[in-house]
N, C-alpha and C. Protein backbone atom coordinates (compact mmCIF):
# COMPACT_ATOMS: atom_id res chain seq x y z
N MET A 1 186.63 -215.96 6.66
CA MET A 1 187.07 -217.12 7.40
C MET A 1 187.77 -216.67 8.68
N GLU A 2 188.63 -215.68 8.57
CA GLU A 2 189.32 -215.19 9.76
C GLU A 2 188.32 -214.53 10.71
N LEU A 3 187.34 -213.85 10.12
CA LEU A 3 186.31 -213.22 10.93
C LEU A 3 185.54 -214.28 11.72
N GLN A 4 185.26 -215.40 11.07
CA GLN A 4 184.55 -216.49 11.74
C GLN A 4 185.42 -217.06 12.86
N ASN A 5 186.71 -217.20 12.62
CA ASN A 5 187.62 -217.71 13.65
C ASN A 5 187.65 -216.77 14.85
N ILE A 6 187.65 -215.47 14.57
CA ILE A 6 187.68 -214.50 15.68
C ILE A 6 186.41 -214.61 16.49
N ARG A 7 185.27 -214.70 15.80
CA ARG A 7 183.99 -214.82 16.52
C ARG A 7 183.94 -216.11 17.35
N GLU A 8 184.41 -217.20 16.76
CA GLU A 8 184.41 -218.47 17.50
C GLU A 8 185.33 -218.38 18.71
N HIS A 9 186.48 -217.74 18.54
CA HIS A 9 187.42 -217.57 19.65
C HIS A 9 186.76 -216.73 20.74
N HIS A 10 186.07 -215.68 20.33
CA HIS A 10 185.40 -214.82 21.29
C HIS A 10 184.28 -215.58 22.02
N GLN A 11 183.52 -216.37 21.30
CA GLN A 11 182.44 -217.14 21.92
C GLN A 11 183.01 -218.20 22.86
N ALA A 12 184.10 -218.83 22.45
CA ALA A 12 184.72 -219.84 23.32
C ALA A 12 185.23 -219.18 24.60
N ALA A 13 185.77 -217.99 24.45
CA ALA A 13 186.26 -217.28 25.63
C ALA A 13 185.10 -216.92 26.56
N GLN A 14 183.96 -216.57 25.98
CA GLN A 14 182.80 -216.26 26.81
C GLN A 14 182.29 -217.51 27.51
N ARG A 15 182.33 -218.62 26.83
CA ARG A 15 181.87 -219.87 27.43
C ARG A 15 182.76 -220.27 28.60
N ARG A 16 184.03 -220.05 28.45
CA ARG A 16 184.95 -220.39 29.53
C ARG A 16 184.90 -219.34 30.64
N ARG A 17 184.18 -218.28 30.35
CA ARG A 17 184.05 -217.18 31.30
C ARG A 17 185.39 -216.61 31.69
N VAL A 18 186.25 -216.56 30.67
CA VAL A 18 187.55 -215.94 30.89
C VAL A 18 187.38 -214.48 30.57
N LYS A 19 187.81 -213.65 31.46
CA LYS A 19 187.67 -212.23 31.23
C LYS A 19 188.87 -211.74 30.45
N LEU A 20 188.56 -211.10 29.30
CA LEU A 20 189.62 -210.50 28.52
C LEU A 20 189.88 -209.11 29.07
N THR A 21 191.12 -208.74 28.97
CA THR A 21 191.43 -207.38 29.41
C THR A 21 190.82 -206.40 28.41
N SER A 22 190.69 -205.17 28.81
CA SER A 22 190.08 -204.18 27.92
C SER A 22 190.92 -204.01 26.66
N LEU A 23 192.22 -204.15 26.78
CA LEU A 23 193.10 -204.03 25.61
C LEU A 23 192.86 -205.19 24.65
N GLU A 24 192.72 -206.41 25.17
CA GLU A 24 192.44 -207.57 24.31
C GLU A 24 191.07 -207.44 23.65
N GLN A 25 190.08 -206.95 24.39
CA GLN A 25 188.75 -206.74 23.81
C GLN A 25 188.80 -205.71 22.69
N GLU A 26 189.56 -204.64 22.91
CA GLU A 26 189.68 -203.59 21.89
C GLU A 26 190.38 -204.13 20.65
N ILE A 27 191.41 -204.94 20.85
CA ILE A 27 192.13 -205.54 19.71
C ILE A 27 191.20 -206.44 18.91
N ASN A 28 190.42 -207.28 19.61
CA ASN A 28 189.48 -208.17 18.91
C ASN A 28 188.42 -207.38 18.14
N GLU A 29 187.90 -206.33 18.74
CA GLU A 29 186.90 -205.51 18.07
C GLU A 29 187.50 -204.81 16.85
N ASP A 30 188.73 -204.31 17.00
CA ASP A 30 189.40 -203.65 15.86
C ASP A 30 189.64 -204.65 14.73
N ARG A 31 190.04 -205.84 15.10
CA ARG A 31 190.29 -206.87 14.10
C ARG A 31 189.02 -207.21 13.34
N GLU A 32 187.93 -207.36 14.08
CA GLU A 32 186.65 -207.69 13.47
C GLU A 32 186.16 -206.55 12.58
N ALA A 33 186.28 -205.33 13.05
CA ALA A 33 185.85 -204.17 12.26
C ALA A 33 186.70 -204.05 10.99
N ASN A 34 187.99 -204.29 11.12
CA ASN A 34 188.87 -204.21 9.96
C ASN A 34 188.52 -205.29 8.94
N LEU A 35 188.25 -206.48 9.41
CA LEU A 35 187.89 -207.57 8.49
C LEU A 35 186.56 -207.27 7.80
N GLU A 36 185.62 -206.68 8.51
CA GLU A 36 184.35 -206.31 7.88
C GLU A 36 184.56 -205.25 6.81
N ARG A 37 185.44 -204.26 7.08
CA ARG A 37 185.75 -203.23 6.07
C ARG A 37 186.41 -203.85 4.85
N VAL A 38 187.35 -204.76 5.08
CA VAL A 38 188.03 -205.42 3.97
C VAL A 38 187.03 -206.25 3.17
N ASN A 39 186.13 -206.93 3.85
CA ASN A 39 185.12 -207.74 3.18
C ASN A 39 184.22 -206.87 2.30
N MET A 40 183.79 -205.73 2.82
CA MET A 40 182.95 -204.82 2.04
C MET A 40 183.71 -204.30 0.82
N HIS A 41 184.99 -203.99 1.03
CA HIS A 41 185.82 -203.50 -0.08
C HIS A 41 185.95 -204.58 -1.16
N LEU A 42 186.18 -205.80 -0.75
CA LEU A 42 186.33 -206.89 -1.71
C LEU A 42 185.01 -207.17 -2.45
N GLU A 43 183.89 -207.04 -1.74
CA GLU A 43 182.59 -207.21 -2.41
C GLU A 43 182.38 -206.15 -3.48
N ARG A 44 182.77 -204.90 -3.16
CA ARG A 44 182.66 -203.83 -4.16
C ARG A 44 183.55 -204.11 -5.36
N LEU A 45 184.76 -204.58 -5.10
CA LEU A 45 185.67 -204.91 -6.21
C LEU A 45 185.10 -206.04 -7.06
N LEU A 46 184.50 -207.03 -6.42
CA LEU A 46 183.89 -208.14 -7.15
C LEU A 46 182.73 -207.65 -8.01
N ASP A 47 181.89 -206.78 -7.46
CA ASP A 47 180.79 -206.22 -8.25
C ASP A 47 181.31 -205.45 -9.45
N LYS A 48 182.36 -204.67 -9.25
CA LYS A 48 182.93 -203.90 -10.35
C LYS A 48 183.51 -204.84 -11.41
N ALA A 49 184.19 -205.89 -10.96
CA ALA A 49 184.76 -206.86 -11.90
C ALA A 49 183.67 -207.56 -12.71
N GLU A 50 182.56 -207.87 -12.06
CA GLU A 50 181.44 -208.51 -12.77
C GLU A 50 180.85 -207.57 -13.81
N LYS A 51 180.71 -206.28 -13.47
CA LYS A 51 180.20 -205.30 -14.43
C LYS A 51 181.16 -205.16 -15.60
N ASP A 52 182.47 -205.09 -15.29
CA ASP A 52 183.47 -204.97 -16.35
C ASP A 52 183.45 -206.19 -17.26
N HIS A 53 183.27 -207.36 -16.66
CA HIS A 53 183.23 -208.59 -17.45
C HIS A 53 182.03 -208.59 -18.40
N ALA A 54 180.88 -208.14 -17.89
CA ALA A 54 179.68 -208.07 -18.73
C ALA A 54 179.89 -207.08 -19.87
N LEU A 55 180.51 -205.95 -19.56
CA LEU A 55 180.78 -204.94 -20.59
C LEU A 55 181.74 -205.50 -21.64
N LEU A 56 182.78 -206.19 -21.20
CA LEU A 56 183.74 -206.76 -22.14
C LEU A 56 183.11 -207.82 -23.03
N ARG A 57 182.21 -208.62 -22.45
CA ARG A 57 181.51 -209.62 -23.27
C ARG A 57 180.67 -208.94 -24.33
N HIS A 58 179.98 -207.86 -23.94
CA HIS A 58 179.15 -207.11 -24.89
C HIS A 58 180.03 -206.51 -25.99
N MET A 59 181.17 -205.93 -25.59
CA MET A 59 182.07 -205.33 -26.58
C MET A 59 182.62 -206.39 -27.53
N ALA A 60 182.96 -207.55 -27.00
CA ALA A 60 183.50 -208.61 -27.84
C ALA A 60 182.45 -209.04 -28.86
N PHE A 61 181.21 -209.19 -28.43
CA PHE A 61 180.14 -209.56 -29.35
C PHE A 61 179.95 -208.49 -30.40
N HIS A 62 179.97 -207.22 -29.97
CA HIS A 62 179.79 -206.10 -30.90
C HIS A 62 180.88 -206.09 -31.97
N TYR A 63 182.14 -206.19 -31.53
CA TYR A 63 183.23 -206.12 -32.50
C TYR A 63 183.32 -207.38 -33.36
N LYS A 64 182.91 -208.51 -32.82
CA LYS A 64 182.86 -209.73 -33.63
C LYS A 64 181.83 -209.57 -34.75
N SER A 65 180.68 -208.99 -34.41
CA SER A 65 179.64 -208.75 -35.41
C SER A 65 180.13 -207.78 -36.48
N ARG A 66 180.79 -206.71 -36.04
CA ARG A 66 181.32 -205.74 -37.01
C ARG A 66 182.36 -206.39 -37.90
N ASN A 67 183.19 -207.23 -37.33
CA ASN A 67 184.23 -207.91 -38.10
C ASN A 67 183.62 -208.83 -39.14
N MET A 68 182.57 -209.56 -38.75
CA MET A 68 181.92 -210.48 -39.68
C MET A 68 181.26 -209.71 -40.83
N SER A 69 180.60 -208.58 -40.52
CA SER A 69 179.96 -207.81 -41.59
C SER A 69 181.01 -207.18 -42.50
N ALA A 70 182.14 -206.76 -41.93
CA ALA A 70 183.21 -206.19 -42.75
C ALA A 70 183.80 -207.26 -43.67
N LYS A 71 183.98 -208.46 -43.16
CA LYS A 71 184.50 -209.55 -43.99
C LYS A 71 183.53 -209.87 -45.14
N ALA A 72 182.24 -209.87 -44.84
CA ALA A 72 181.24 -210.14 -45.88
C ALA A 72 181.28 -209.03 -46.94
N ARG A 73 181.43 -207.79 -46.51
CA ARG A 73 181.50 -206.67 -47.46
C ARG A 73 182.75 -206.78 -48.33
N ILE A 74 183.88 -207.13 -47.71
CA ILE A 74 185.13 -207.30 -48.47
C ILE A 74 184.96 -208.40 -49.51
N LYS A 75 184.32 -209.50 -49.09
CA LYS A 75 184.11 -210.62 -50.01
C LYS A 75 183.26 -210.19 -51.21
N SER A 76 182.17 -209.45 -50.94
CA SER A 76 181.31 -209.02 -52.05
C SER A 76 182.03 -208.01 -52.94
N LEU A 77 182.83 -207.14 -52.35
CA LEU A 77 183.58 -206.17 -53.16
C LEU A 77 184.65 -206.86 -54.01
N LYS A 78 185.29 -207.89 -53.46
CA LYS A 78 186.27 -208.65 -54.24
C LYS A 78 185.60 -209.33 -55.42
N ALA A 79 184.42 -209.90 -55.18
CA ALA A 79 183.70 -210.57 -56.26
C ALA A 79 183.31 -209.56 -57.34
N LYS A 80 182.85 -208.40 -56.92
CA LYS A 80 182.46 -207.35 -57.86
C LYS A 80 183.68 -206.87 -58.66
N LEU A 81 184.81 -206.70 -57.97
CA LEU A 81 186.03 -206.26 -58.64
C LEU A 81 186.51 -207.27 -59.65
N SER A 82 186.51 -208.55 -59.26
CA SER A 82 186.97 -209.57 -60.21
C SER A 82 186.04 -209.67 -61.41
N LYS A 83 184.75 -209.51 -61.18
CA LYS A 83 183.79 -209.54 -62.28
C LYS A 83 184.04 -208.38 -63.24
N GLU A 84 184.26 -207.18 -62.69
CA GLU A 84 184.48 -206.01 -63.55
C GLU A 84 185.82 -206.07 -64.27
N THR A 85 186.85 -206.61 -63.62
CA THR A 85 188.15 -206.73 -64.30
C THR A 85 188.04 -207.77 -65.43
N LYS A 86 187.29 -208.82 -65.18
CA LYS A 86 187.09 -209.84 -66.23
C LYS A 86 186.36 -209.23 -67.42
N GLU A 87 185.31 -208.44 -67.13
CA GLU A 87 184.57 -207.78 -68.21
C GLU A 87 185.44 -206.77 -68.94
N ALA A 88 186.31 -206.06 -68.22
CA ALA A 88 187.20 -205.08 -68.85
C ALA A 88 188.19 -205.79 -69.78
N LYS A 89 188.71 -206.93 -69.34
CA LYS A 89 189.63 -207.70 -70.18
C LYS A 89 188.93 -208.18 -71.45
N GLU A 90 187.71 -208.66 -71.27
CA GLU A 90 186.96 -209.14 -72.43
C GLU A 90 186.66 -208.00 -73.39
N ALA A 91 186.34 -206.81 -72.86
CA ALA A 91 186.06 -205.66 -73.71
C ALA A 91 187.33 -205.23 -74.44
N LYS A 92 188.46 -205.33 -73.80
CA LYS A 92 189.74 -204.97 -74.42
C LYS A 92 190.05 -205.93 -75.57
N GLU A 93 189.80 -207.20 -75.33
CA GLU A 93 190.04 -208.18 -76.38
C GLU A 93 189.08 -207.96 -77.55
N GLN A 94 187.86 -207.58 -77.28
CA GLN A 94 186.88 -207.30 -78.33
C GLN A 94 187.34 -206.12 -79.18
N ASP A 95 187.92 -205.11 -78.52
CA ASP A 95 188.38 -203.93 -79.24
C ASP A 95 189.55 -204.26 -80.16
N ARG A 96 190.40 -205.18 -79.76
CA ARG A 96 191.55 -205.56 -80.59
C ARG A 96 191.10 -206.24 -81.87
N LEU A 97 190.07 -206.99 -81.75
CA LEU A 97 189.62 -207.74 -82.92
C LEU A 97 188.84 -206.86 -83.78
């Protein structure tokens, strides 16, 4: 946005045929070059953030899947344990009689 304002200011100055001093021209060019560098830097940061976001989504899905399978395994092991403890109690009672 600032870059656009600088360009518009520069174009308006050209239309008015106002001559900028060499120092003012150098300042405007430096400002524009700096804004372009900052823009490129921000685009790289945005690309990196998008990649990181995609990776985090993949990791979240992966760990959610692992968590669900672990919960299912725990549930089946609990059922197996309760079944075997019940059978052990019944066998103990059979031995007493």
